[in-house]
Amino acid sequence: MHQAVLASPKTLSWHDGPTPQPGAGEVVVKIRAALTCGTDLKTYRRGHPKLAFGPFGHEASGDVVAVGPGVGAVQPGEAVMWVQTTPCGRCARCLTGHENLCDHLTDEMAFGAYADFLRLPAHVVARNLFAKPQALSYIEAAFLEPFSCVVHGWNALRRADARNPLPSSVAIVGAGSIGLLHLVYARQLRTPATVFARSKNRLSLAGKLGAQATIVADFDSLPAHLSGSFPAVIECGGTPESWQEAVRLAAPGGRVLAFSGLPKGTHVPLDATRLHYEELTILGSFHFTPADVREARDMLVTGCVPARELISDVMSLSSLAQAFEHLDNREGFKYALIPGPDAPTWV
């Protein structure tokens, strides 16, 4: 099979090797669609603190081509969707309900989706592999992983305020694909959302997708009435400045979800007076639990994610480097990569 390998930042090559064979409890899938994502872009640009260089890509869907001994839930020929990890269920973090922080989360992942085929480990097959409904396209199904992360973030927001789990309104800082998926989730809950972003084109799409208001993120001249006015703020900008401005937008007693990851060692100064005297809650959000994945899957199959609006282009898998060059230049949201010799089309 053909597989993309990232050897070092921005050094992408292609390796040919045998099609993987499934072991006990494992499944091998033929990739029908793989998506680019922010984590892959960070890895492409500078590496990742938790992931080694090598085969990469993890947002995908496809068809089962082989199953190992003990697999009865799926058969060859079935269309499926999955996420790349599953918690062990045995470590201290899993046993206290923090499955997304499992000590063994990254021990064996279904990584390497920029390829013709992918082997899914037994623990992923057991808990995080799902049938793909015929009405859902392969490209839509590949949104399962990022949408699961979004669901987890909203569940973290809910847990942070037992009296008012669902905020009456929300500000979303950043209008990349993740920020827009947060907007989609807010719309599903009928929670009014205001989107802040630098790009007028991205704000235009946010308005089309149902934002109550869209505001150019020039925080140096932010209208005074917006500071401290939102009961919940979701930060998706991915910069120290966007973390600071998310705190600035939060109302007294409000919640700030720091959703985007920053480079290792980054320190962000925050207004301690506001944090203390206005009782702000600052939340991190990492990955997802199997419960988050199931919720995301149930929502995704309803067709709620506007995949055609969020996919900037459908390209052949061999054009992967070009897709990352576009993203590195802030051109587009997400790209769908289609393996095979035929011209890439929506699948």
C-alpha atoms as a PDB file:
ATOM      1  CA  MET A   1       0.000   0.000   0.000  1.00  0.00           C
ATOM      2  CA  HIS A   2       0.897   3.673  -0.341  1.00  0.00           C
ATOM      3  CA  GLN A   3       1.341   5.614   2.928  1.00  0.00           C
ATOM      4  CA  ALA A   4       2.407   9.154   3.824  1.00  0.00           C
ATOM      5  CA  VAL A   5       5.240   9.470   6.354  1.00  0.00           C
ATOM      6  CA  LEU A   6       6.247  12.694   8.099  1.00  0.00           C
ATOM      7  CA  ALA A   7       9.953  12.343   8.902  1.00  0.00           C
ATOM      8  CA  SER A   8      10.454  15.837  10.383  1.00  0.00           C
ATOM      9  CA  PRO A   9       8.679  19.219  10.200  1.00  0.00           C
ATOM     10  CA  LYS A  10       7.435  19.807   6.641  1.00  0.00           C
ATOM     11  CA  THR A  11       9.324  16.746   5.361  1.00  0.00           C
ATOM     12  CA  LEU A  12       6.732  14.462   3.811  1.00  0.00           C
ATOM     13  CA  SER A  13       7.522  11.288   1.856  1.00  0.00           C
ATOM     14  CA  TRP A  14       5.638   8.275   0.537  1.00  0.00           C
ATOM     15  CA  HIS A  15       6.369   4.676   1.461  1.00  0.00           C
ATOM     16  CA  ASP A  16       5.115   1.532  -0.261  1.00  0.00           C
ATOM     17  CA  GLY A  17       4.585  -1.617   1.746  1.00  0.00           C
ATOM     18  CA  PRO A  18       2.345  -4.637   2.174  1.00  0.00           C
ATOM     19  CA  THR A  19      -1.290  -4.267   3.102  1.00  0.00           C
ATOM     20  CA  PRO A  20      -1.587  -4.778   6.898  1.00  0.00           C
ATOM     21  CA  GLN A  21      -3.115  -7.993   8.186  1.00  0.00           C
ATOM     22  CA  PRO A  22      -5.462  -8.051  11.204  1.00  0.00           C
ATOM     23  CA  GLY A  23      -4.552  -9.792  14.434  1.00  0.00           C
ATOM     24  CA  ALA A  24      -6.973 -11.019  17.061  1.00  0.00           C
ATOM     25  CA  GLY A  25      -9.786  -8.511  17.563  1.00  0.00           C
ATOM     26  CA  GLU A  26      -8.410  -6.211  14.861  1.00  0.00           C
ATOM     27  CA  VAL A  27      -9.897  -4.860  11.642  1.00  0.00           C
ATOM     28  CA  VAL A  28      -8.236  -3.623   8.453  1.00  0.00           C
ATOM     29  CA  VAL A  29     -10.066  -0.909   6.533  1.00  0.00           C
ATOM     30  CA  LYS A  30      -9.652   0.550   3.083  1.00  0.00           C
ATOM     31  CA  ILE A  31      -9.566   4.327   3.489  1.00  0.00           C
ATOM     32  CA  ARG A  32     -12.259   6.006   1.417  1.00  0.00           C
ATOM     33  CA  ALA A  33     -11.768   9.546   2.759  1.00  0.00           C
ATOM     34  CA  ALA A  34      -9.234  11.146   5.119  1.00  0.00           C
ATOM     35  CA  LEU A  35      -9.389  14.729   6.371  1.00  0.00           C
ATOM     36  CA  THR A  36      -6.730  17.218   7.367  1.00  0.00           C
ATOM     37  CA  CYS A  37      -7.000  18.704  10.849  1.00  0.00           C
ATOM     38  CA  GLY A  38      -5.384  21.231  13.166  1.00  0.00           C
ATOM     39  CA  THR A  39      -3.450  18.582  15.103  1.00  0.00           C
ATOM     40  CA  ASP A  40      -1.969  17.219  11.892  1.00  0.00           C
ATOM     41  CA  LEU A  41      -1.115  20.765  10.801  1.00  0.00           C
ATOM     42  CA  LYS A  42       0.698  21.446  14.085  1.00  0.00           C
ATOM     43  CA  THR A  43       2.557  18.164  13.696  1.00  0.00           C
ATOM     44  CA  TYR A  44       3.438  19.062  10.105  1.00  0.00           C
ATOM     45  CA  ARG A  45       4.705  22.493  11.141  1.00  0.00           C
ATOM     46  CA  ARG A  46       6.708  21.714  14.257  1.00  0.00           C
ATOM     47  CA  GLY A  47       6.060  18.225  15.576  1.00  0.00           C
ATOM     48  CA  HIS A  48       3.783  17.280  18.444  1.00  0.00           C
ATOM     49  CA  PRO A  49       4.636  16.850  22.156  1.00  0.00           C
ATOM     50  CA  LYS A  50       2.683  13.581  22.427  1.00  0.00           C
ATOM     51  CA  LEU A  51       3.104  12.109  18.940  1.00  0.00           C
ATOM     52  CA  ALA A  52       6.218  10.811  17.202  1.00  0.00           C
ATOM     53  CA  PHE A  53       7.046  11.579  13.591  1.00  0.00           C
ATOM     54  CA  GLY A  54       6.062   8.827  11.158  1.00  0.00           C
ATOM     55  CA  PRO A  55       2.761   7.779   9.545  1.00  0.00           C
ATOM     56  CA  PHE A  56       0.098  10.307  10.418  1.00  0.00           C
ATOM     57  CA  GLY A  57      -3.500  11.300   9.774  1.00  0.00           C
ATOM     58  CA  HIS A  58      -6.403  10.188  11.975  1.00  0.00           C
ATOM     59  CA  GLU A  59      -9.696  11.629  10.678  1.00  0.00           C
ATOM     60  CA  ALA A  60     -11.003   9.057   8.222  1.00  0.00           C
ATOM     61  CA  SER A  61     -13.689   6.573   7.254  1.00  0.00           C
ATOM     62  CA  GLY A  62     -13.703   3.578   4.962  1.00  0.00           C
ATOM     63  CA  ASP A  63     -14.685  -0.007   4.239  1.00  0.00           C
ATOM     64  CA  VAL A  64     -13.757  -3.156   6.147  1.00  0.00           C
ATOM     65  CA  VAL A  65     -11.555  -5.438   4.046  1.00  0.00           C
ATOM     66  CA  ALA A  66     -10.425  -7.987   6.654  1.00  0.00           C
ATOM     67  CA  VAL A  67     -11.240  -8.921  10.247  1.00  0.00           C
ATOM     68  CA  GLY A  68      -9.143 -10.814  12.763  1.00  0.00           C
ATOM     69  CA  PRO A  69     -10.166 -13.732  14.986  1.00  0.00           C
ATOM     70  CA  GLY A  70     -12.830 -12.811  17.501  1.00  0.00           C
ATOM     71  CA  VAL A  71     -14.360  -9.936  15.532  1.00  0.00           C
ATOM     72  CA  GLY A  72     -18.085 -10.445  15.048  1.00  0.00           C
ATOM     73  CA  ALA A  73     -19.537  -6.940  15.022  1.00  0.00           C
ATOM     74  CA  VAL A  74     -18.411  -6.083  11.469  1.00  0.00           C
ATOM     75  CA  GLN A  75     -17.719  -8.034   8.304  1.00  0.00           C
ATOM     76  CA  PRO A  76     -15.674  -7.355   5.153  1.00  0.00           C
ATOM     77  CA  GLY A  77     -17.492  -4.990   2.825  1.00  0.00           C
ATOM     78  CA  GLU A  78     -19.154  -2.930   5.577  1.00  0.00           C
ATOM     79  CA  ALA A  79     -18.704   0.849   5.610  1.00  0.00           C
ATOM     80  CA  VAL A  80     -17.420   2.111   8.963  1.00  0.00           C
ATOM     81  CA  MET A  81     -16.325   5.179  10.925  1.00  0.00           C
ATOM     82  CA  TRP A  82     -14.048   5.335  13.960  1.00  0.00           C
ATOM     83  CA  VAL A  83     -11.799   7.437  16.165  1.00  0.00           C
ATOM     84  CA  GLN A  84      -8.113   6.747  16.652  1.00  0.00           C
ATOM     85  CA  THR A  85      -7.904   5.973  20.398  1.00  0.00           C
ATOM     86  CA  THR A  86      -9.693   4.150  23.191  1.00  0.00           C
ATOM     87  CA  PRO A  87      -8.934   4.405  26.937  1.00  0.00           C
ATOM     88  CA  CYS A  88      -7.668   1.306  28.741  1.00  0.00           C
ATOM     89  CA  GLY A  89     -10.438   1.386  31.375  1.00  0.00           C
ATOM     90  CA  ARG A  90      -8.020   0.163  34.062  1.00  0.00           C
ATOM     91  CA  CYS A  91      -5.675   2.991  35.022  1.00  0.00           C
ATOM     92  CA  ALA A  92      -6.363   5.419  37.888  1.00  0.00           C
ATOM     93  CA  ARG A  93      -7.548   8.163  35.536  1.00  0.00           C
ATOM     94  CA  CYS A  94      -9.998   5.879  33.765  1.00  0.00           C
ATOM     95  CA  LEU A  95     -11.328   4.548  37.062  1.00  0.00           C
ATOM     96  CA  THR A  96     -12.025   8.092  38.299  1.00  0.00           C
ATOM     97  CA  GLY A  97     -13.969   8.997  35.145  1.00  0.00           C
ATOM     98  CA  HIS A  98     -11.222  10.825  33.259  1.00  0.00           C
ATOM     99  CA  GLU A  99     -10.990   8.429  30.333  1.00  0.00           C
ATOM    100  CA  ASN A 100      -9.805  11.167  27.999  1.00  0.00           C
ATOM    101  CA  LEU A 101      -6.686  11.458  30.199  1.00  0.00           C
ATOM    102  CA  CYS A 102      -5.984   7.709  30.234  1.00  0.00           C
ATOM    103  CA  ASP A 103      -2.374   6.830  31.049  1.00  0.00           C
ATOM    104  CA  HIS A 104      -2.291   4.538  28.018  1.00  0.00           C
ATOM    105  CA  LEU A 105      -4.298   6.648  25.563  1.00  0.00           C
ATOM    106  CA  THR A 106      -1.489   6.964  23.019  1.00  0.00           C
ATOM    107  CA  ASP A 107       0.094   3.534  23.515  1.00  0.00           C
ATOM    108  CA  GLU A 108      -1.430   2.141  20.320  1.00  0.00           C
ATOM    109  CA  MET A 109      -3.462   4.433  18.108  1.00  0.00           C
ATOM    110  CA  ALA A 110      -5.161   4.043  14.755  1.00  0.00           C
ATOM    111  CA  PHE A 111      -2.735   6.546  13.270  1.00  0.00           C
ATOM    112  CA  GLY A 112      -1.617   6.667   9.656  1.00  0.00           C
ATOM    113  CA  ALA A 113      -4.899   7.370   7.843  1.00  0.00           C
ATOM    114  CA  TYR A 114      -3.120   9.133   4.974  1.00  0.00           C
ATOM    115  CA  ALA A 115      -2.786   5.761   3.283  1.00  0.00           C
ATOM    116  CA  ASP A 116      -4.665   3.206   1.201  1.00  0.00           C
ATOM    117  CA  PHE A 117      -5.314   0.918   4.176  1.00  0.00           C
ATOM    118  CA  LEU A 118      -5.257   1.159   7.973  1.00  0.00           C
ATOM    119  CA  ARG A 119      -5.219  -1.459  10.721  1.00  0.00           C
ATOM    120  CA  LEU A 120      -7.522  -0.654  13.641  1.00  0.00           C
ATOM    121  CA  PRO A 121      -6.263  -1.996  17.014  1.00  0.00           C
ATOM    122  CA  ALA A 122      -8.504  -4.364  18.952  1.00  0.00           C
ATOM    123  CA  HIS A 123      -9.353  -1.855  21.700  1.00  0.00           C
ATOM    124  CA  VAL A 124     -10.493   0.698  19.090  1.00  0.00           C
ATOM    125  CA  VAL A 125     -12.595  -1.960  17.354  1.00  0.00           C
ATOM    126  CA  ALA A 126     -14.181  -2.950  20.661  1.00  0.00           C
ATOM    127  CA  ARG A 127     -15.364   0.506  21.731  1.00  0.00           C
ATOM    128  CA  ASN A 128     -14.948   3.177  19.059  1.00  0.00           C
ATOM    129  CA  LEU A 129     -15.778   1.573  15.705  1.00  0.00           C
ATOM    130  CA  PHE A 130     -19.238   2.227  14.255  1.00  0.00           C
ATOM    131  CA  ALA A 131     -21.227   1.331  11.156  1.00  0.00           C
ATOM    132  CA  LYS A 132     -21.536   4.163   8.665  1.00  0.00           C
ATOM    133  CA  PRO A 133     -25.141   4.717   7.593  1.00  0.00           C
ATOM    134  CA  GLN A 134     -25.622   4.700   3.831  1.00  0.00           C
ATOM    135  CA  ALA A 135     -27.118   8.197   3.903  1.00  0.00           C
ATOM    136  CA  LEU A 136     -23.938   9.610   5.453  1.00  0.00           C
ATOM    137  CA  SER A 137     -21.088  10.253   3.025  1.00  0.00           C
ATOM    138  CA  TYR A 138     -17.591   8.976   3.809  1.00  0.00           C
ATOM    139  CA  ILE A 139     -16.368  12.569   4.047  1.00  0.00           C
ATOM    140  CA  GLU A 140     -19.099  13.447   6.551  1.00  0.00           C
ATOM    141  CA  ALA A 141     -18.340  10.277   8.535  1.00  0.00           C
ATOM    142  CA  ALA A 142     -14.681  11.298   8.811  1.00  0.00           C
ATOM    143  CA  PHE A 143     -15.813  14.270  10.929  1.00  0.00           C
ATOM    144  CA  LEU A 144     -16.467  11.872  13.826  1.00  0.00           C
ATOM    145  CA  GLU A 145     -13.112  12.543  15.516  1.00  0.00           C
ATOM    146  CA  PRO A 146     -13.125  16.371  15.501  1.00  0.00           C
ATOM    147  CA  PHE A 147     -16.817  16.487  16.405  1.00  0.00           C
ATOM    148  CA  SER A 148     -16.124  14.160  19.355  1.00  0.00           C
ATOM    149  CA  CYS A 149     -13.551  16.685  20.608  1.00  0.00           C
ATOM    150  CA  VAL A 150     -16.145  19.452  20.306  1.00  0.00           C
ATOM    151  CA  VAL A 151     -18.731  17.392  22.202  1.00  0.00           C
ATOM    152  CA  HIS A 152     -16.201  16.768  24.977  1.00  0.00           C
ATOM    153  CA  GLY A 153     -15.538  20.508  25.276  1.00  0.00           C
ATOM    154  CA  TRP A 154     -19.227  21.275  25.683  1.00  0.00           C
ATOM    155  CA  ASN A 155     -19.603  18.520  28.258  1.00  0.00           C
ATOM    156  CA  ALA A 156     -16.716  20.094  30.194  1.00  0.00           C
ATOM    157  CA  LEU A 157     -18.598  23.411  30.078  1.00  0.00           C
ATOM    158  CA  ARG A 158     -21.731  21.733  31.414  1.00  0.00           C
ATOM    159  CA  ARG A 159     -19.904  20.124  34.333  1.00  0.00           C
ATOM    160  CA  ALA A 160     -18.375  23.454  35.359  1.00  0.00           C
ATOM    161  CA  ASP A 161     -21.724  24.961  36.427  1.00  0.00           C
ATOM    162  CA  ALA A 162     -24.161  22.592  38.109  1.00  0.00           C
ATOM    163  CA  ARG A 163     -26.819  25.320  38.429  1.00  0.00           C
ATOM    164  CA  ASN A 164     -26.728  26.350  34.769  1.00  0.00           C
ATOM    165  CA  PRO A 165     -25.089  23.545  32.767  1.00  0.00           C
ATOM    166  CA  LEU A 166     -26.053  25.066  29.433  1.00  0.00           C
ATOM    167  CA  PRO A 167     -25.016  28.722  29.057  1.00  0.00           C
ATOM    168  CA  SER A 168     -27.628  31.174  27.854  1.00  0.00           C
ATOM    169  CA  SER A 169     -25.231  32.372  25.148  1.00  0.00           C
ATOM    170  CA  VAL A 170     -21.661  31.761  24.063  1.00  0.00           C
ATOM    171  CA  ALA A 171     -18.792  33.594  22.404  1.00  0.00           C
ATOM    172  CA  ILE A 172     -16.535  31.611  20.077  1.00  0.00           C
ATOM    173  CA  VAL A 173     -13.073  33.069  19.477  1.00  0.00           C
ATOM    174  CA  GLY A 174     -11.782  31.787  16.150  1.00  0.00           C
ATOM    175  CA  ALA A 175     -13.609  30.642  13.016  1.00  0.00           C
ATOM    176  CA  GLY A 176     -11.468  27.838  11.690  1.00  0.00           C
ATOM    177  CA  SER A 177     -13.039  24.423  11.202  1.00  0.00           C
ATOM    178  CA  ILE A 178     -13.088  23.699  14.958  1.00  0.00           C
ATOM    179  CA  GLY A 179     -14.599  27.066  15.839  1.00  0.00           C
ATOM    180  CA  LEU A 180     -17.297  26.488  13.234  1.00  0.00           C
ATOM    181  CA  LEU A 181     -17.976  22.987  14.576  1.00  0.00           C
ATOM    182  CA  HIS A 182     -18.494  24.559  18.005  1.00  0.00           C
ATOM    183  CA  LEU A 183     -20.956  26.917  16.321  1.00  0.00           C
ATOM    184  CA  VAL A 184     -22.757  23.929  14.772  1.00  0.00           C
ATOM    185  CA  TYR A 185     -23.044  22.302  18.201  1.00  0.00           C
ATOM    186  CA  ALA A 186     -24.324  25.532  19.752  1.00  0.00           C
ATOM    187  CA  ARG A 187     -26.957  25.780  17.033  1.00  0.00           C
ATOM    188  CA  GLN A 188     -28.080  22.206  17.754  1.00  0.00           C
ATOM    189  CA  LEU A 189     -28.638  23.268  21.384  1.00  0.00           C
ATOM    190  CA  ARG A 190     -30.303  26.524  20.284  1.00  0.00           C
ATOM    191  CA  THR A 191     -27.668  28.466  22.189  1.00  0.00           C
ATOM    192  CA  PRO A 192     -27.051  31.915  20.640  1.00  0.00           C
ATOM    193  CA  ALA A 193     -23.428  32.221  19.548  1.00  0.00           C
ATOM    194  CA  THR A 194     -21.290  35.251  18.701  1.00  0.00           C
ATOM    195  CA  VAL A 195     -18.211  34.456  16.621  1.00  0.00           C
ATOM    196  CA  PHE A 196     -15.004  36.517  16.725  1.00  0.00           C
ATOM    197  CA  ALA A 197     -12.413  36.082  13.958  1.00  0.00           C
ATOM    198  CA  ARG A 198      -9.880  38.086  11.969  1.00  0.00           C
ATOM    199  CA  SER A 199     -10.988  36.855   8.553  1.00  0.00           C
ATOM    200  CA  LYS A 200     -14.100  38.467   7.100  1.00  0.00           C
ATOM    201  CA  ASN A 201     -14.558  35.474   4.787  1.00  0.00           C
ATOM    202  CA  ARG A 202     -14.628  33.118   7.757  1.00  0.00           C
ATOM    203  CA  LEU A 203     -17.025  35.405   9.600  1.00  0.00           C
ATOM    204  CA  SER A 204     -19.246  35.390   6.539  1.00  0.00           C
ATOM    205  CA  LEU A 205     -19.411  31.593   6.663  1.00  0.00           C
ATOM    206  CA  ALA A 206     -20.088  31.719  10.415  1.00  0.00           C
ATOM    207  CA  GLY A 207     -23.050  33.971   9.705  1.00  0.00           C
ATOM    208  CA  LYS A 208     -24.276  31.554   7.053  1.00  0.00           C
ATOM    209  CA  LEU A 209     -24.013  28.686   9.537  1.00  0.00           C
ATOM    210  CA  GLY A 210     -26.199  30.456  12.077  1.00  0.00           C
ATOM    211  CA  ALA A 211     -24.073  32.732  14.271  1.00  0.00           C
ATOM    212  CA  GLN A 212     -26.231  35.288  16.072  1.00  0.00           C
ATOM    213  CA  ALA A 213     -23.503  37.885  15.476  1.00  0.00           C
ATOM    214  CA  THR A 214     -20.051  37.976  13.905  1.00  0.00           C
ATOM    215  CA  ILE A 215     -17.356  40.437  14.966  1.00  0.00           C
ATOM    216  CA  VAL A 216     -13.933  41.163  13.516  1.00  0.00           C
ATOM    217  CA  ALA A 217     -11.468  40.171  16.233  1.00  0.00           C
ATOM    218  CA  ASP A 218      -9.615  43.451  16.580  1.00  0.00           C
ATOM    219  CA  PHE A 219      -9.344  43.186  20.331  1.00  0.00           C
ATOM    220  CA  ASP A 220      -7.405  46.444  20.622  1.00  0.00           C
ATOM    221  CA  SER A 221     -10.611  48.266  19.717  1.00  0.00           C
ATOM    222  CA  LEU A 222     -13.195  45.873  21.099  1.00  0.00           C
ATOM    223  CA  PRO A 223     -16.423  47.730  22.012  1.00  0.00           C
ATOM    224  CA  ALA A 224     -16.553  48.250  25.754  1.00  0.00           C
ATOM    225  CA  HIS A 225     -19.984  46.664  26.096  1.00  0.00           C
ATOM    226  CA  LEU A 226     -18.606  43.307  24.877  1.00  0.00           C
ATOM    227  CA  SER A 227     -15.929  42.963  27.542  1.00  0.00           C
ATOM    228  CA  GLY A 228     -17.182  40.810  30.390  1.00  0.00           C
ATOM    229  CA  SER A 229     -20.502  40.119  28.702  1.00  0.00           C
ATOM    230  CA  PHE A 230     -20.627  36.403  27.828  1.00  0.00           C
ATOM    231  CA  PRO A 231     -21.562  33.665  30.320  1.00  0.00           C
ATOM    232  CA  ALA A 232     -19.399  31.206  28.359  1.00  0.00           C
ATOM    233  CA  VAL A 233     -16.498  31.687  25.950  1.00  0.00           C
ATOM    234  CA  ILE A 234     -14.898  28.998  23.790  1.00  0.00           C
ATOM    235  CA  GLU A 235     -11.362  29.800  22.660  1.00  0.00           C
ATOM    236  CA  CYS A 236     -10.405  28.282  19.291  1.00  0.00           C
ATOM    237  CA  GLY A 237      -7.875  30.834  18.043  1.00  0.00           C
ATOM    238  CA  GLY A 238      -4.765  28.939  19.042  1.00  0.00           C
ATOM    239  CA  THR A 239      -2.677  31.904  20.212  1.00  0.00           C
ATOM    240  CA  PRO A 240      -1.775  33.325  23.642  1.00  0.00           C
ATOM    241  CA  GLU A 241      -3.653  36.483  22.636  1.00  0.00           C
ATOM    242  CA  SER A 242      -6.848  34.556  21.896  1.00  0.00           C
ATOM    243  CA  TRP A 243      -6.626  32.889  25.328  1.00  0.00           C
ATOM    244  CA  GLN A 244      -6.319  36.328  26.943  1.00  0.00           C
ATOM    245  CA  GLU A 245      -9.185  37.792  24.972  1.00  0.00           C
ATOM    246  CA  ALA A 246     -11.421  34.842  25.785  1.00  0.00           C
ATOM    247  CA  VAL A 247     -10.970  35.706  29.468  1.00  0.00           C
ATOM    248  CA  ARG A 248     -11.642  39.364  28.693  1.00  0.00           C
ATOM    249  CA  LEU A 249     -14.984  38.465  27.064  1.00  0.00           C
ATOM    250  CA  ALA A 250     -16.226  36.316  29.961  1.00  0.00           C
ATOM    251  CA  ALA A 251     -18.905  37.739  32.257  1.00  0.00           C
ATOM    252  CA  PRO A 252     -18.532  37.621  36.067  1.00  0.00           C
ATOM    253  CA  GLY A 253     -19.146  34.048  37.139  1.00  0.00           C
ATOM    254  CA  GLY A 254     -18.535  32.939  33.562  1.00  0.00           C
ATOM    255  CA  ARG A 255     -16.758  29.955  32.047  1.00  0.00           C
ATOM    256  CA  VAL A 256     -13.848  30.035  29.609  1.00  0.00           C
ATOM    257  CA  LEU A 257     -13.060  26.887  27.640  1.00  0.00           C
ATOM    258  CA  ALA A 258      -9.436  26.975  26.457  1.00  0.00           C
ATOM    259  CA  PHE A 259      -9.994  24.566  23.601  1.00  0.00           C
ATOM    260  CA  SER A 260      -6.966  25.144  21.395  1.00  0.00           C
ATOM    261  CA  GLY A 261      -3.562  23.782  22.290  1.00  0.00           C
ATOM    262  CA  LEU A 262      -0.507  26.044  22.340  1.00  0.00           C
ATOM    263  CA  PRO A 263       3.148  25.092  21.776  1.00  0.00           C
ATOM    264  CA  LYS A 264       4.823  23.288  24.665  1.00  0.00           C
ATOM    265  CA  GLY A 265       6.168  25.678  27.304  1.00  0.00           C
ATOM    266  CA  THR A 266       3.824  28.544  26.380  1.00  0.00           C
ATOM    267  CA  HIS A 267       2.827  30.738  29.337  1.00  0.00           C
ATOM    268  CA  VAL A 268      -0.194  33.017  29.111  1.00  0.00           C
ATOM    269  CA  PRO A 269      -0.561  35.952  31.535  1.00  0.00           C
ATOM    270  CA  LEU A 270      -4.143  36.408  32.698  1.00  0.00           C
ATOM    271  CA  ASP A 271      -5.891  39.094  34.738  1.00  0.00           C
ATOM    272  CA  ALA A 272      -5.704  37.653  38.258  1.00  0.00           C
ATOM    273  CA  THR A 273      -8.036  40.321  39.641  1.00  0.00           C
ATOM    274  CA  ARG A 274     -10.832  39.226  37.310  1.00  0.00           C
ATOM    275  CA  LEU A 275     -10.205  35.533  37.904  1.00  0.00           C
ATOM    276  CA  HIS A 276     -10.428  35.985  41.676  1.00  0.00           C
ATOM    277  CA  TYR A 277     -12.996  38.711  42.275  1.00  0.00           C
ATOM    278  CA  GLU A 278     -15.325  37.762  39.406  1.00  0.00           C
ATOM    279  CA  GLU A 279     -15.071  34.013  39.993  1.00  0.00           C
ATOM    280  CA  LEU A 280     -14.179  33.050  36.452  1.00  0.00           C
ATOM    281  CA  THR A 281     -13.752  29.367  35.685  1.00  0.00           C
ATOM    282  CA  ILE A 282     -10.954  28.487  33.235  1.00  0.00           C
ATOM    283  CA  LEU A 283     -11.281  25.031  31.684  1.00  0.00           C
ATOM    284  CA  GLY A 284      -8.928  22.983  29.598  1.00  0.00           C
ATOM    285  CA  SER A 285     -10.317  20.546  27.051  1.00  0.00           C
ATOM    286  CA  PHE A 286      -8.415  17.564  25.702  1.00  0.00           C
ATOM    287  CA  HIS A 287      -9.547  14.755  23.439  1.00  0.00           C
ATOM    288  CA  PHE A 288     -12.751  12.827  24.276  1.00  0.00           C
ATOM    289  CA  THR A 289     -14.253   9.854  26.092  1.00  0.00           C
ATOM    290  CA  PRO A 290     -16.154   6.952  24.508  1.00  0.00           C
ATOM    291  CA  ALA A 291     -19.372   8.583  25.751  1.00  0.00           C
ATOM    292  CA  ASP A 292     -18.447  11.778  23.889  1.00  0.00           C
ATOM    293  CA  VAL A 293     -17.803   9.737  20.740  1.00  0.00           C
ATOM    294  CA  ARG A 294     -21.189   8.043  20.947  1.00  0.00           C
ATOM    295  CA  GLU A 295     -22.916  11.417  21.383  1.00  0.00           C
ATOM    296  CA  ALA A 296     -20.993  12.855  18.437  1.00  0.00           C
ATOM    297  CA  ARG A 297     -21.844   9.841  16.294  1.00  0.00           C
ATOM    298  CA  ASP A 298     -25.560  10.097  17.108  1.00  0.00           C
ATOM    299  CA  MET A 299     -25.568  13.785  16.149  1.00  0.00           C
ATOM    300  CA  LEU A 300     -23.413  13.315  13.074  1.00  0.00           C
ATOM    301  CA  VAL A 301     -25.699  10.735  11.484  1.00  0.00           C
ATOM    302  CA  THR A 302     -28.534  13.285  11.539  1.00  0.00           C
ATOM    303  CA  GLY A 303     -26.571  15.317   8.975  1.00  0.00           C
ATOM    304  CA  CYS A 304     -26.078  18.263  11.331  1.00  0.00           C
ATOM    305  CA  VAL A 305     -22.449  18.919  10.290  1.00  0.00           C
ATOM    306  CA  PRO A 306     -22.323  21.063   7.118  1.00  0.00           C
ATOM    307  CA  ALA A 307     -19.403  19.139   5.652  1.00  0.00           C
ATOM    308  CA  ARG A 308     -19.674  20.679   2.186  1.00  0.00           C
ATOM    309  CA  GLU A 309     -19.258  24.134   3.711  1.00  0.00           C
ATOM    310  CA  LEU A 310     -16.251  23.112   5.809  1.00  0.00           C
ATOM    311  CA  ILE A 311     -14.348  21.112   3.170  1.00  0.00           C
ATOM    312  CA  SER A 312     -12.352  23.549   1.072  1.00  0.00           C
ATOM    313  CA  ASP A 313     -11.471  21.031  -1.637  1.00  0.00           C
ATOM    314  CA  VAL A 314     -11.515  17.319  -2.412  1.00  0.00           C
ATOM    315  CA  MET A 315      -8.039  16.227  -3.521  1.00  0.00           C
ATOM    316  CA  SER A 316      -6.226  13.027  -4.337  1.00  0.00           C
ATOM    317  CA  LEU A 317      -4.236  11.507  -1.487  1.00  0.00           C
ATOM    318  CA  SER A 318      -1.067  12.116  -3.495  1.00  0.00           C
ATOM    319  CA  SER A 319      -1.776  15.883  -3.171  1.00  0.00           C
ATOM    320  CA  LEU A 320      -1.409  15.745   0.630  1.00  0.00           C
ATOM    321  CA  ALA A 321       1.669  18.008   0.696  1.00  0.00           C
ATOM    322  CA  GLN A 322      -0.182  20.600  -1.377  1.00  0.00           C
ATOM    323  CA  ALA A 323      -3.129  20.486   1.044  1.00  0.00           C
ATOM    324  CA  PHE A 324      -0.822  21.197   3.992  1.00  0.00           C
ATOM    325  CA  GLU A 325       0.848  24.030   2.098  1.00  0.00           C
ATOM    326  CA  HIS A 326      -2.589  25.590   1.656  1.00  0.00           C
ATOM    327  CA  LEU A 327      -3.324  25.206   5.367  1.00  0.00           C
ATOM    328  CA  ASP A 328       0.097  26.528   6.343  1.00  0.00           C
ATOM    329  CA  ASN A 329      -0.747  29.652   4.333  1.00  0.00           C
ATOM    330  CA  ARG A 330      -4.188  29.904   6.017  1.00  0.00           C
ATOM    331  CA  GLU A 331      -5.929  28.970   2.784  1.00  0.00           C
ATOM    332  CA  GLY A 332      -9.085  26.984   3.435  1.00  0.00           C
ATOM    333  CA  PHE A 333     -10.539  25.104   6.414  1.00  0.00           C
ATOM    334  CA  LYS A 334     -10.139  21.371   5.839  1.00  0.00           C
ATOM    335  CA  TYR A 335      -9.231  19.226   2.868  1.00  0.00           C
ATOM    336  CA  ALA A 336     -10.577  15.790   2.016  1.00  0.00           C
ATOM    337  CA  LEU A 337      -7.990  13.347   0.638  1.00  0.00           C
ATOM    338  CA  ILE A 338      -9.222  10.459  -1.484  1.00  0.00           C
ATOM    339  CA  PRO A 339      -6.922   7.442  -2.090  1.00  0.00           C
ATOM    340  CA  GLY A 340      -6.840   5.676  -5.420  1.00  0.00           C
ATOM    341  CA  PRO A 341      -5.996   6.364  -9.038  1.00  0.00           C
ATOM    342  CA  ASP A 342      -9.330   7.904 -10.023  1.00  0.00           C
ATOM    343  CA  ALA A 343     -10.069  11.611 -10.030  1.00  0.00           C
ATOM    344  CA  PRO A 344     -11.080  12.650  -6.496  1.00  0.00           C
ATOM    345  CA  THR A 345     -14.772  13.294  -6.005  1.00  0.00           C
ATOM    346  CA  TRP A 346     -17.135  13.670  -3.073  1.00  0.00           C
ATOM    347  CA  VAL A 347     -17.683  10.226  -1.582  1.00  0.00           C
END
